[in-house]
Amino acid sequence: EAQQGRRFLLQGGDCAESLSDCRPDIITNRQKIILQMSLV
């Protein structure tokens, strides 16, 4: 559907995840910015 212009893809995140980033605060903040950008 995005190929037809009916949806839009927002793809984003870290250049490289690290094992030490598997923490609730970091994961939550990643989700939060994707969510907010998508709503805008």
Full PDB file with SEQRES, HELIX, SHEET, SSBOND, CRYST1, ORIGX, SCALE, CONECT and MASTER records, all heavy atoms in Angstrom:
SEQRES   1 A   40  GLU ALA GLN GLN GLY ARG ARG PHE LEU LEU GLN GLY GLY          
SEQRES   2 A   40  ASP CYS ALA GLU SER LEU SER ASP CYS ARG PRO ASP ILE          
SEQRES   3 A   40  ILE THR ASN ARG GLN LYS ILE ILE LEU GLN MET SER LEU          
SEQRES   4 A   40  VAL                                                          
HELIX    1 AA1 ALA A    2  GLN A    4  5                                   3    
HELIX    2 AA2 LEU A   19  ASP A   21  5                                   3    
HELIX    3 AA3 PRO A   24  LEU A   39  1                                  16    
CRYST1    1.000    1.000    1.000  90.00  90.00  90.00 P 1           1          
ORIGX1      1.000000  0.000000  0.000000        0.00000                         
ORIGX2      0.000000  1.000000  0.000000        0.00000                         
ORIGX3      0.000000  0.000000  1.000000        0.00000                         
SCALE1      1.000000  0.000000  0.000000        0.00000                         
SCALE2      0.000000  1.000000  0.000000        0.00000                         
SCALE3      0.000000  0.000000  1.000000        0.00000                         
ATOM      1  N   GLU A   1       0.828  -1.209   0.000  1.00  0.00           N  
ATOM      2  CA  GLU A   1       0.000   0.000   0.000  1.00  0.00           C  
ATOM      3  C   GLU A   1       0.866   1.263   0.000  1.00  0.00           C  
ATOM      4  O   GLU A   1       0.514   2.269  -0.627  1.00  0.00           O  
ATOM      5  CB  GLU A   1      -0.934  -0.009   1.205  1.00  0.00           C  
ATOM      6  CG  GLU A   1      -1.974  -1.120   1.150  1.00  0.00           C  
ATOM      7  CD  GLU A   1      -2.921  -1.088   2.338  1.00  0.00           C  
ATOM      8  OE1 GLU A   1      -2.891  -0.090   3.103  1.00  0.00           O  
ATOM      9  OE2 GLU A   1      -3.690  -2.051   2.507  1.00  0.00           O  
ATOM     10  N   ALA A   2       2.009   1.210   0.692  1.00  0.00           N  
ATOM     11  CA  ALA A   2       2.914   2.361   0.680  1.00  0.00           C  
ATOM     12  C   ALA A   2       3.478   2.594  -0.718  1.00  0.00           C  
ATOM     13  O   ALA A   2       3.715   3.734  -1.118  1.00  0.00           O  
ATOM     14  CB  ALA A   2       4.040   2.145   1.689  1.00  0.00           C  
ATOM     15  N   GLN A   3       3.690   1.518  -1.485  1.00  0.00           N  
ATOM     16  CA  GLN A   3       4.155   1.665  -2.867  1.00  0.00           C  
ATOM     17  C   GLN A   3       3.170   2.467  -3.706  1.00  0.00           C  
ATOM     18  O   GLN A   3       3.563   3.155  -4.653  1.00  0.00           O  
ATOM     19  CB  GLN A   3       4.354   0.284  -3.507  1.00  0.00           C  
ATOM     20  CG  GLN A   3       5.559  -0.470  -2.982  1.00  0.00           C  
ATOM     21  CD  GLN A   3       5.664  -1.870  -3.561  1.00  0.00           C  
ATOM     22  OE1 GLN A   3       4.717  -2.370  -4.179  1.00  0.00           O  
ATOM     23  NE2 GLN A   3       6.800  -2.515  -3.347  1.00  0.00           N  
ATOM     24  N   GLN A   4       1.920   2.403  -3.352  1.00  0.00           N  
ATOM     25  CA  GLN A   4       0.873   3.119  -4.085  1.00  0.00           C  
ATOM     26  C   GLN A   4       0.620   4.514  -3.513  1.00  0.00           C  
ATOM     27  O   GLN A   4      -0.281   5.218  -3.972  1.00  0.00           O  
ATOM     28  CB  GLN A   4      -0.426   2.314  -4.040  1.00  0.00           C  
ATOM     29  CG  GLN A   4      -0.305   0.915  -4.621  1.00  0.00           C  
ATOM     30  CD  GLN A   4      -1.516   0.041  -4.276  1.00  0.00           C  
ATOM     31  OE1 GLN A   4      -2.459   0.506  -3.637  1.00  0.00           O  
ATOM     32  NE2 GLN A   4      -1.471  -1.208  -4.696  1.00  0.00           N  
ATOM     33  N   GLY A   5       1.401   4.916  -2.515  1.00  0.00           N  
ATOM     34  CA  GLY A   5       1.225   6.221  -1.902  1.00  0.00           C  
ATOM     35  C   GLY A   5       0.122   6.284  -0.872  1.00  0.00           C  
ATOM     36  O   GLY A   5      -0.252   7.373  -0.429  1.00  0.00           O  
ATOM     37  N   ARG A   6      -0.393   5.130  -0.456  1.00  0.00           N  
ATOM     38  CA  ARG A   6      -1.512   5.104   0.491  1.00  0.00           C  
ATOM     39  C   ARG A   6      -1.065   4.954   1.934  1.00  0.00           C  
ATOM     40  O   ARG A   6      -1.868   5.105   2.860  1.00  0.00           O  
ATOM     41  CB  ARG A   6      -2.463   3.970   0.110  1.00  0.00           C  
ATOM     42  CG  ARG A   6      -3.149   4.195  -1.253  1.00  0.00           C  
ATOM     43  CD  ARG A   6      -3.814   2.940  -1.776  1.00  0.00           C  
ATOM     44  NE  ARG A   6      -4.629   2.310  -0.755  1.00  0.00           N  
ATOM     45  CZ  ARG A   6      -4.819   0.994  -0.663  1.00  0.00           C  
ATOM     46  NH1 ARG A   6      -4.217   0.171  -1.517  1.00  0.00           N  
ATOM     47  NH2 ARG A   6      -5.577   0.496   0.274  1.00  0.00           N  
ATOM     48  N   ARG A   7       0.189   4.643   2.167  1.00  0.00           N  
ATOM     49  CA  ARG A   7       0.782   4.609   3.499  1.00  0.00           C  
ATOM     50  C   ARG A   7       2.180   5.201   3.405  1.00  0.00           C  
ATOM     51  O   ARG A   7       2.708   5.422   2.322  1.00  0.00           O  
ATOM     52  CB  ARG A   7       0.847   3.179   4.055  1.00  0.00           C  
ATOM     53  CG  ARG A   7      -0.499   2.578   4.376  1.00  0.00           C  
ATOM     54  CD  ARG A   7      -0.358   1.183   4.991  1.00  0.00           C  
ATOM     55  NE  ARG A   7      -1.666   0.597   5.220  1.00  0.00           N  
ATOM     56  CZ  ARG A   7      -2.368   0.719   6.344  1.00  0.00           C  
ATOM     57  NH1 ARG A   7      -1.857   1.408   7.351  1.00  0.00           N  
ATOM     58  NH2 ARG A   7      -3.553   0.172   6.473  1.00  0.00           N  
ATOM     59  N   PHE A   8       2.804   5.415   4.570  1.00  0.00           N  
ATOM     60  CA  PHE A   8       4.146   5.970   4.616  1.00  0.00           C  
ATOM     61  C   PHE A   8       4.952   5.189   5.645  1.00  0.00           C  
ATOM     62  O   PHE A   8       4.471   4.903   6.743  1.00  0.00           O  
ATOM     63  CB  PHE A   8       4.094   7.451   5.000  1.00  0.00           C  
ATOM     64  CG  PHE A   8       5.385   8.191   4.752  1.00  0.00           C  
ATOM     65  CD1 PHE A   8       5.729   8.616   3.482  1.00  0.00           C  
ATOM     66  CD2 PHE A   8       6.256   8.467   5.803  1.00  0.00           C  
ATOM     67  CE1 PHE A   8       6.917   9.302   3.252  1.00  0.00           C  
ATOM     68  CE2 PHE A   8       7.433   9.146   5.589  1.00  0.00           C  
ATOM     69  CZ  PHE A   8       7.777   9.575   4.303  1.00  0.00           C  
ATOM     70  N   LEU A   9       6.187   4.825   5.272  1.00  0.00           N  
ATOM     71  CA  LEU A   9       7.055   4.040   6.143  1.00  0.00           C  
ATOM     72  C   LEU A   9       7.967   4.960   6.940  1.00  0.00           C  
ATOM     73  O   LEU A   9       8.689   5.783   6.365  1.00  0.00           O  
ATOM     74  CB  LEU A   9       7.894   3.072   5.311  1.00  0.00           C  
ATOM     75  CG  LEU A   9       9.013   2.319   6.050  1.00  0.00           C  
ATOM     76  CD1 LEU A   9       8.419   1.336   7.055  1.00  0.00           C  
ATOM     77  CD2 LEU A   9       9.926   1.604   5.067  1.00  0.00           C  
ATOM     78  N   LEU A  10       7.951   4.806   8.243  1.00  0.00           N  
ATOM     79  CA  LEU A  10       8.912   5.473   9.127  1.00  0.00           C  
ATOM     80  C   LEU A  10       9.789   4.394   9.736  1.00  0.00           C  
ATOM     81  O   LEU A  10       9.329   3.589  10.544  1.00  0.00           O  
ATOM     82  CB  LEU A  10       8.190   6.258  10.230  1.00  0.00           C  
ATOM     83  CG  LEU A  10       9.102   6.840  11.316  1.00  0.00           C  
ATOM     84  CD1 LEU A  10      10.089   7.851  10.724  1.00  0.00           C  
ATOM     85  CD2 LEU A  10       8.271   7.481  12.431  1.00  0.00           C  
ATOM     86  N   GLN A  11      11.055   4.369   9.323  1.00  0.00           N  
ATOM     87  CA  GLN A  11      12.004   3.365   9.792  1.00  0.00           C  
ATOM     88  C   GLN A  11      13.128   4.090  10.515  1.00  0.00           C  
ATOM     89  O   GLN A  11      13.746   5.005   9.962  1.00  0.00           O  
ATOM     90  CB  GLN A  11      12.550   2.580   8.592  1.00  0.00           C  
ATOM     91  CG  GLN A  11      13.442   1.400   8.959  1.00  0.00           C  
ATOM     92  CD  GLN A  11      13.830   0.590   7.731  1.00  0.00           C  
ATOM     93  OE1 GLN A  11      13.524   0.976   6.608  1.00  0.00           O  
ATOM     94  NE2 GLN A  11      14.496  -0.519   7.933  1.00  0.00           N  
ATOM     95  N   GLY A  12      13.390   3.704  11.756  1.00  0.00           N  
ATOM     96  CA  GLY A  12      14.417   4.432  12.487  1.00  0.00           C  
ATOM     97  C   GLY A  12      14.881   3.703  13.723  1.00  0.00           C  
ATOM     98  O   GLY A  12      14.217   2.809  14.252  1.00  0.00           O  
ATOM     99  N   GLY A  13      16.047   4.110  14.182  1.00  0.00           N  
ATOM    100  CA  GLY A  13      16.618   3.543  15.394  1.00  0.00           C  
ATOM    101  C   GLY A  13      18.118   3.706  15.399  1.00  0.00           C  
ATOM    102  O   GLY A  13      18.694   4.467  14.625  1.00  0.00           O  
ATOM    103  N   ASP A  14      18.751   2.965  16.279  1.00  0.00           N  
ATOM    104  CA  ASP A  14      20.192   3.092  16.477  1.00  0.00           C  
ATOM    105  C   ASP A  14      20.995   2.629  15.284  1.00  0.00           C  
ATOM    106  O   ASP A  14      20.596   1.707  14.565  1.00  0.00           O  
ATOM    107  CB  ASP A  14      20.622   2.284  17.702  1.00  0.00           C  
ATOM    108  CG  ASP A  14      20.683   3.138  18.953  1.00  0.00           C  
ATOM    109  OD1 ASP A  14      21.203   4.258  18.864  1.00  0.00           O  
ATOM    110  OD2 ASP A  14      20.208   2.689  20.003  1.00  0.00           O  
ATOM    111  N   CYS A  15      22.180   3.247  15.108  1.00  0.00           N  
ATOM    112  CA  CYS A  15      23.090   2.778  14.064  1.00  0.00           C  
ATOM    113  C   CYS A  15      23.554   1.374  14.407  1.00  0.00           C  
ATOM    114  O   CYS A  15      23.645   0.513  13.532  1.00  0.00           O  
ATOM    115  CB  CYS A  15      24.280   3.721  13.929  1.00  0.00           C  
ATOM    116  SG  CYS A  15      25.295   3.852  15.401  1.00  0.00           S  
ATOM    117  N   ALA A  16      23.852   1.127  15.677  1.00  0.00           N  
ATOM    118  CA  ALA A  16      24.256  -0.212  16.120  1.00  0.00           C  
ATOM    119  C   ALA A  16      23.765  -0.408  17.548  1.00  0.00           C  
ATOM    120  O   ALA A  16      24.134   0.355  18.438  1.00  0.00           O  
ATOM    121  CB  ALA A  16      25.769  -0.377  16.055  1.00  0.00           C  
ATOM    122  N   GLU A  17      22.936  -1.405  17.754  1.00  0.00           N  
ATOM    123  CA  GLU A  17      22.513  -1.744  19.105  1.00  0.00           C  
ATOM    124  C   GLU A  17      23.669  -2.400  19.861  1.00  0.00           C  
ATOM    125  O   GLU A  17      24.519  -3.064  19.268  1.00  0.00           O  
ATOM    126  CB  GLU A  17      21.356  -2.737  19.082  1.00  0.00           C  
ATOM    127  CG  GLU A  17      20.038  -2.182  18.619  1.00  0.00           C  
ATOM    128  CD  GLU A  17      18.967  -3.263  18.628  1.00  0.00           C  
ATOM    129  OE1 GLU A  17      18.846  -3.965  17.616  1.00  0.00           O  
ATOM    130  OE2 GLU A  17      18.277  -3.383  19.642  1.00  0.00           O  
ATOM    131  N   SER A  18      23.680  -2.233  21.147  1.00  0.00           N  
ATOM    132  CA  SER A  18      24.640  -2.953  21.979  1.00  0.00           C  
ATOM    133  C   SER A  18      23.869  -3.810  22.973  1.00  0.00           C  
ATOM    134  O   SER A  18      22.718  -3.519  23.320  1.00  0.00           O  
ATOM    135  CB  SER A  18      25.567  -1.989  22.718  1.00  0.00           C  
ATOM    136  OG  SER A  18      24.874  -1.300  23.742  1.00  0.00           O  
ATOM    137  N   LEU A  19      24.503  -4.876  23.431  1.00  0.00           N  
ATOM    138  CA  LEU A  19      23.851  -5.743  24.413  1.00  0.00           C  
ATOM    139  C   LEU A  19      23.523  -4.977  25.688  1.00  0.00           C  
ATOM    140  O   LEU A  19      22.512  -5.247  26.341  1.00  0.00           O  
ATOM    141  CB  LEU A  19      24.757  -6.934  24.725  1.00  0.00           C  
ATOM    142  CG  LEU A  19      25.085  -7.857  23.539  1.00  0.00           C  
ATOM    143  CD1 LEU A  19      25.986  -9.004  23.992  1.00  0.00           C  
ATOM    144  CD2 LEU A  19      23.815  -8.410  22.912  1.00  0.00           C  
ATOM    145  N   SER A  20      24.344  -3.993  26.025  1.00  0.00           N  
ATOM    146  CA  SER A  20      24.110  -3.228  27.255  1.00  0.00           C  
ATOM    147  C   SER A  20      22.915  -2.300  27.140  1.00  0.00           C  
ATOM    148  O   SER A  20      22.432  -1.770  28.142  1.00  0.00           O  
ATOM    149  CB  SER A  20      25.360  -2.420  27.608  1.00  0.00           C  
ATOM    150  OG  SER A  20      25.674  -1.506  26.577  1.00  0.00           O  
ATOM    151  N   ASP A  21      22.410  -2.078  25.911  1.00  0.00           N  
ATOM    152  CA  ASP A  21      21.245  -1.216  25.711  1.00  0.00           C  
ATOM    153  C   ASP A  21      19.924  -1.945  25.935  1.00  0.00           C  
ATOM    154  O   ASP A  21      18.856  -1.341  25.768  1.00  0.00           O  
ATOM    155  CB  ASP A  21      21.246  -0.633  24.295  1.00  0.00           C  
ATOM    156  CG  ASP A  21      22.243   0.500  24.143  1.00  0.00           C  
ATOM    157  OD1 ASP A  21      22.740   0.983  25.175  1.00  0.00           O  
ATOM    158  OD2 ASP A  21      22.524   0.894  22.999  1.00  0.00           O  
ATOM    159  N   CYS A  22      19.975  -3.208  26.274  1.00  0.00           N  
ATOM    160  CA  CYS A  22      18.743  -3.963  26.526  1.00  0.00           C  
ATOM    161  C   CYS A  22      18.235  -3.612  27.929  1.00  0.00           C  
ATOM    162  O   CYS A  22      18.306  -4.403  28.868  1.00  0.00           O  
ATOM    163  CB  CYS A  22      19.008  -5.464  26.388  1.00  0.00           C  
ATOM    164  SG  CYS A  22      17.519  -6.478  26.447  1.00  0.00           S  
ATOM    165  N   ARG A  23      17.743  -2.362  28.037  1.00  0.00           N  
ATOM    166  CA  ARG A  23      17.242  -1.817  29.303  1.00  0.00           C  
ATOM    167  C   ARG A  23      15.899  -1.168  29.055  1.00  0.00           C  
ATOM    168  O   ARG A  23      15.670  -0.594  27.980  1.00  0.00           O  
ATOM    169  CB  ARG A  23      18.225  -0.776  29.849  1.00  0.00           C  
ATOM    170  CG  ARG A  23      19.549  -1.341  30.285  1.00  0.00           C  
ATOM    171  CD  ARG A  23      20.599  -0.258  30.485  1.00  0.00           C  
ATOM    172  NE  ARG A  23      20.058   1.045  30.860  1.00  0.00           N  
ATOM    173  CZ  ARG A  23      20.760   2.176  30.799  1.00  0.00           C  
ATOM    174  NH1 ARG A  23      21.992   2.164  30.346  1.00  0.00           N  
ATOM    175  NH2 ARG A  23      20.220   3.320  31.163  1.00  0.00           N  
ATOM    176  N   PRO A  24      14.995  -1.233  30.031  1.00  0.00           N  
ATOM    177  CA  PRO A  24      13.644  -0.707  29.792  1.00  0.00           C  
ATOM    178  C   PRO A  24      13.613   0.769  29.440  1.00  0.00           C  
ATOM    179  O   PRO A  24      12.824   1.194  28.595  1.00  0.00           O  
ATOM    180  CB  PRO A  24      12.899  -1.001  31.098  1.00  0.00           C  
ATOM    181  CG  PRO A  24      13.961  -1.280  32.109  1.00  0.00           C  
ATOM    182  CD  PRO A  24      15.111  -1.857  31.361  1.00  0.00           C  
ATOM    183  N   ASP A  25      14.469   1.590  30.066  1.00  0.00           N  
ATOM    184  CA  ASP A  25      14.419   3.024  29.780  1.00  0.00           C  
ATOM    185  C   ASP A  25      14.874   3.330  28.357  1.00  0.00           C  
ATOM    186  O   ASP A  25      14.265   4.143  27.655  1.00  0.00           O  
ATOM    187  CB  ASP A  25      15.264   3.798  30.798  1.00  0.00           C  
ATOM    188  CG  ASP A  25      16.709   3.310  30.873  1.00  0.00           C  
ATOM    189  OD1 ASP A  25      16.954   2.124  30.563  1.00  0.00           O  
ATOM    190  OD2 ASP A  25      17.590   4.109  31.254  1.00  0.00           O  
ATOM    191  N   ILE A  26      15.921   2.661  27.904  1.00  0.00           N  
ATOM    192  CA  ILE A  26      16.422   2.910  26.546  1.00  0.00           C  
ATOM    193  C   ILE A  26      15.433   2.411  25.511  1.00  0.00           C  
ATOM    194  O   ILE A  26      15.136   3.098  24.521  1.00  0.00           O  
ATOM    195  CB  ILE A  26      17.801   2.244  26.358  1.00  0.00           C  
ATOM    196  CG1 ILE A  26      18.844   2.976  27.217  1.00  0.00           C  
ATOM    197  CG2 ILE A  26      18.214   2.238  24.893  1.00  0.00           C  
ATOM    198  CD1 ILE A  26      20.227   2.373  27.150  1.00  0.00           C  
ATOM    199  N   ILE A  27      14.879   1.223  25.729  1.00  0.00           N  
ATOM    200  CA  ILE A  27      13.895   0.679  24.783  1.00  0.00           C  
ATOM    201  C   ILE A  27      12.653   1.565  24.735  1.00  0.00           C  
ATOM    202  O   ILE A  27      12.117   1.860  23.663  1.00  0.00           O  
ATOM    203  CB  ILE A  27      13.527  -0.765  25.155  1.00  0.00           C  
ATOM    204  CG1 ILE A  27      14.757  -1.676  25.057  1.00  0.00           C  
ATOM    205  CG2 ILE A  27      12.410  -1.297  24.253  1.00  0.00           C  
ATOM    206  CD1 ILE A  27      14.554  -3.055  25.648  1.00  0.00           C  
ATOM    207  N   THR A  28      12.204   2.021  25.893  1.00  0.00           N  
ATOM    208  CA  THR A  28      11.021   2.880  25.951  1.00  0.00           C  
ATOM    209  C   THR A  28      11.261   4.180  25.187  1.00  0.00           C  
ATOM    210  O   THR A  28      10.395   4.643  24.429  1.00  0.00           O  
ATOM    211  CB  THR A  28      10.657   3.188  27.405  1.00  0.00           C  
ATOM    212  OG1 THR A  28      10.365   1.969  28.094  1.00  0.00           O  
ATOM    213  CG2 THR A  28       9.434   4.093  27.481  1.00  0.00           C  
ATOM    214  N   ASN A  29      12.432   4.780  25.375  1.00  0.00           N  
ATOM    215  CA  ASN A  29      12.721   6.033  24.680  1.00  0.00           C  
ATOM    216  C   ASN A  29      12.796   5.837  23.170  1.00  0.00           C  
ATOM    217  O   ASN A  29      12.398   6.718  22.399  1.00  0.00           O  
ATOM    218  CB  ASN A  29      14.029   6.632  25.193  1.00  0.00           C  
ATOM    219  CG  ASN A  29      13.854   7.289  26.556  1.00  0.00           C  
ATOM    220  OD1 ASN A  29      12.740   7.614  26.951  1.00  0.00           O  
ATOM    221  ND2 ASN A  29      14.938   7.478  27.272  1.00  0.00           N  
ATOM    222  N   ARG A  30      13.299   4.695  22.724  1.00  0.00           N  
ATOM    223  CA  ARG A  30      13.322   4.416  21.282  1.00  0.00           C  
ATOM    224  C   ARG A  30      11.907   4.326  20.735  1.00  0.00           C  
ATOM    225  O   ARG A  30      11.595   4.857  19.657  1.00  0.00           O  
ATOM    226  CB  ARG A  30      14.063   3.106  21.014  1.00  0.00           C  
ATOM    227  CG  ARG A  30      15.571   3.185  21.156  1.00  0.00           C  
ATOM    228  CD  ARG A  30      16.180   1.814  21.040  1.00  0.00           C  
ATOM    229  NE  ARG A  30      17.634   1.840  21.177  1.00  0.00           N  
ATOM    230  CZ  ARG A  30      18.371   0.765  21.417  1.00  0.00           C  
ATOM    231  NH1 ARG A  30      17.793  -0.414  21.565  1.00  0.00           N  
ATOM    232  NH2 ARG A  30      19.687   0.867  21.513  1.00  0.00           N  
ATOM    233  N   GLN A  31      11.060   3.630  21.458  1.00  0.00           N  
ATOM    234  CA  GLN A  31       9.666   3.506  21.004  1.00  0.00           C  
ATOM    235  C   GLN A  31       8.950   4.842  21.041  1.00  0.00           C  
ATOM    236  O   GLN A  31       8.151   5.162  20.152  1.00  0.00           O  
ATOM    237  CB  GLN A  31       8.928   2.489  21.887  1.00  0.00           C  
ATOM    238  CG  GLN A  31       9.489   1.086  21.845  1.00  0.00           C  
ATOM    239  CD  GLN A  31       9.475   0.542  20.438  1.00  0.00           C  
ATOM    240  OE1 GLN A  31      10.469   0.640  19.722  1.00  0.00           O  
ATOM    241  NE2 GLN A  31       8.360  -0.005  20.026  1.00  0.00           N  
ATOM    242  N   LYS A  32       9.250   5.615  22.070  1.00  0.00           N  
ATOM    243  CA  LYS A  32       8.581   6.894  22.248  1.00  0.00           C  
ATOM    244  C   LYS A  32       8.830   7.839  21.077  1.00  0.00           C  
ATOM    245  O   LYS A  32       7.895   8.451  20.546  1.00  0.00           O  
ATOM    246  CB  LYS A  32       9.086   7.512  23.552  1.00  0.00           C  
ATOM    247  CG  LYS A  32       8.836   9.001  23.756  1.00  0.00           C  
ATOM    248  CD  LYS A  32       9.463   9.390  25.081  1.00  0.00           C  
ATOM    249  CE  LYS A  32       9.825  10.850  25.130  1.00  0.00           C  
ATOM    250  NZ  LYS A  32      10.486  11.221  26.384  1.00  0.00           N  
ATOM    251  N   ILE A  33      10.084   7.942  20.606  1.00  0.00           N  
ATOM    252  CA  ILE A  33      10.361   8.888  19.535  1.00  0.00           C  
ATOM    253  C   ILE A  33       9.755   8.407  18.213  1.00  0.00           C  
ATOM    254  O   ILE A  33       9.240   9.209  17.435  1.00  0.00           O  
ATOM    255  CB  ILE A  33      11.879   9.171  19.414  1.00  0.00           C  
ATOM    256  CG1 ILE A  33      12.136  10.259  18.381  1.00  0.00           C  
ATOM    257  CG2 ILE A  33      12.660   7.921  19.068  1.00  0.00           C  
ATOM    258  CD1 ILE A  33      11.431  11.567  18.660  1.00  0.00           C  
ATOM    259  N   ILE A  34       9.778   7.098  17.955  1.00  0.00           N  
ATOM    260  CA  ILE A  34       9.139   6.583  16.737  1.00  0.00           C  
ATOM    261  C   ILE A  34       7.641   6.858  16.775  1.00  0.00           C  
ATOM    262  O   ILE A  34       7.028   7.263  15.775  1.00  0.00           O  
ATOM    263  CB  ILE A  34       9.415   5.079  16.570  1.00  0.00           C  
ATOM    264  CG1 ILE A  34      10.909   4.816  16.333  1.00  0.00           C  
ATOM    265  CG2 ILE A  34       8.593   4.506  15.418  1.00  0.00           C  
ATOM    266  CD1 ILE A  34      11.433   5.325  15.021  1.00  0.00           C  
ATOM    267  N   LEU A  35       7.024   6.633  17.933  1.00  0.00           N  
ATOM    268  CA  LEU A  35       5.594   6.895  18.089  1.00  0.00           C  
ATOM    269  C   LEU A  35       5.270   8.353  17.825  1.00  0.00           C  
ATOM    270  O   LEU A  35       4.375   8.687  17.043  1.00  0.00           O  
ATOM    271  CB  LEU A  35       5.147   6.511  19.502  1.00  0.00           C  
ATOM    272  CG  LEU A  35       3.803   7.087  19.950  1.00  0.00           C  
ATOM    273  CD1 LEU A  35       2.666   6.461  19.159  1.00  0.00           C  
ATOM    274  CD2 LEU A  35       3.610   6.903  21.441  1.00  0.00           C  
ATOM    275  N   GLN A  36       6.014   9.245  18.464  1.00  0.00           N  
ATOM    276  CA  GLN A  36       5.707  10.664  18.335  1.00  0.00           C  
ATOM    277  C   GLN A  36       5.928  11.146  16.903  1.00  0.00           C  
ATOM    278  O   GLN A  36       5.121  11.907  16.362  1.00  0.00           O  
ATOM    279  CB  GLN A  36       6.559  11.459  19.317  1.00  0.00           C  
ATOM    280  CG  GLN A  36       6.177  11.198  20.763  1.00  0.00           C  
ATOM    281  CD  GLN A  36       6.959  12.053  21.737  1.00  0.00           C  
ATOM    282  OE1 GLN A  36       7.928  12.701  21.373  1.00  0.00           O  
ATOM    283  NE2 GLN A  36       6.542  12.058  22.992  1.00  0.00           N  
ATOM    284  N   MET A  37       7.012  10.710  16.293  1.00  0.00           N  
ATOM    285  CA  MET A  37       7.251  11.097  14.903  1.00  0.00           C  
ATOM    286  C   MET A  37       6.134  10.597  13.997  1.00  0.00           C  
ATOM    287  O   MET A  37       5.677  11.317  13.095  1.00  0.00           O  
ATOM    288  CB  MET A  37       8.600  10.536  14.432  1.00  0.00           C  
ATOM    289  CG  MET A  37       9.811  11.160  15.080  1.00  0.00           C  
ATOM    290  SD  MET A  37      11.355  10.396  14.511  1.00  0.00           S  
ATOM    291  CE  MET A  37      11.485  11.067  12.844  1.00  0.00           C  
ATOM    292  N   SER A  38       5.679   9.381  14.232  1.00  0.00           N  
ATOM    293  CA  SER A  38       4.634   8.819  13.372  1.00  0.00           C  
ATOM    294  C   SER A  38       3.330   9.606  13.498  1.00  0.00           C  
ATOM    295  O   SER A  38       2.637   9.823  12.506  1.00  0.00           O  
ATOM    296  CB  SER A  38       4.408   7.344  13.706  1.00  0.00           C  
ATOM    297  OG  SER A  38       3.780   7.167  14.959  1.00  0.00           O  
ATOM    298  N   LEU A  39       2.987  10.057  14.701  1.00  0.00           N  
ATOM    299  CA  LEU A  39       1.755  10.826  14.876  1.00  0.00           C  
ATOM    300  C   LEU A  39       1.834  12.169  14.153  1.00  0.00           C  
ATOM    301  O   LEU A  39       0.858  12.619  13.544  1.00  0.00           O  
ATOM    302  CB  LEU A  39       1.483  11.043  16.368  1.00  0.00           C  
ATOM    303  CG  LEU A  39       1.061   9.790  17.153  1.00  0.00           C  
ATOM    304  CD1 LEU A  39       0.970  10.099  18.632  1.00  0.00           C  
ATOM    305  CD2 LEU A  39      -0.267   9.259  16.638  1.00  0.00           C  
ATOM    306  N   VAL A  40       2.997  12.804  14.206  1.00  0.00           N  
ATOM    307  CA  VAL A  40       3.174  14.064  13.476  1.00  0.00           C  
ATOM    308  C   VAL A  40       3.055  13.833  11.969  1.00  0.00           C  
ATOM    309  O   VAL A  40       2.410  14.605  11.253  1.00  0.00           O  
ATOM    310  CB  VAL A  40       4.535  14.695  13.832  1.00  0.00           C  
ATOM    311  CG1 VAL A  40       4.801  15.918  12.951  1.00  0.00           C  
ATOM    312  CG2 VAL A  40       4.570  15.099  15.306  1.00  0.00           C  
TER     313      VAL A  40                                                      
MASTER        0    0    0    3    0    0    0    6  312    1    0    4          
END                                                                             
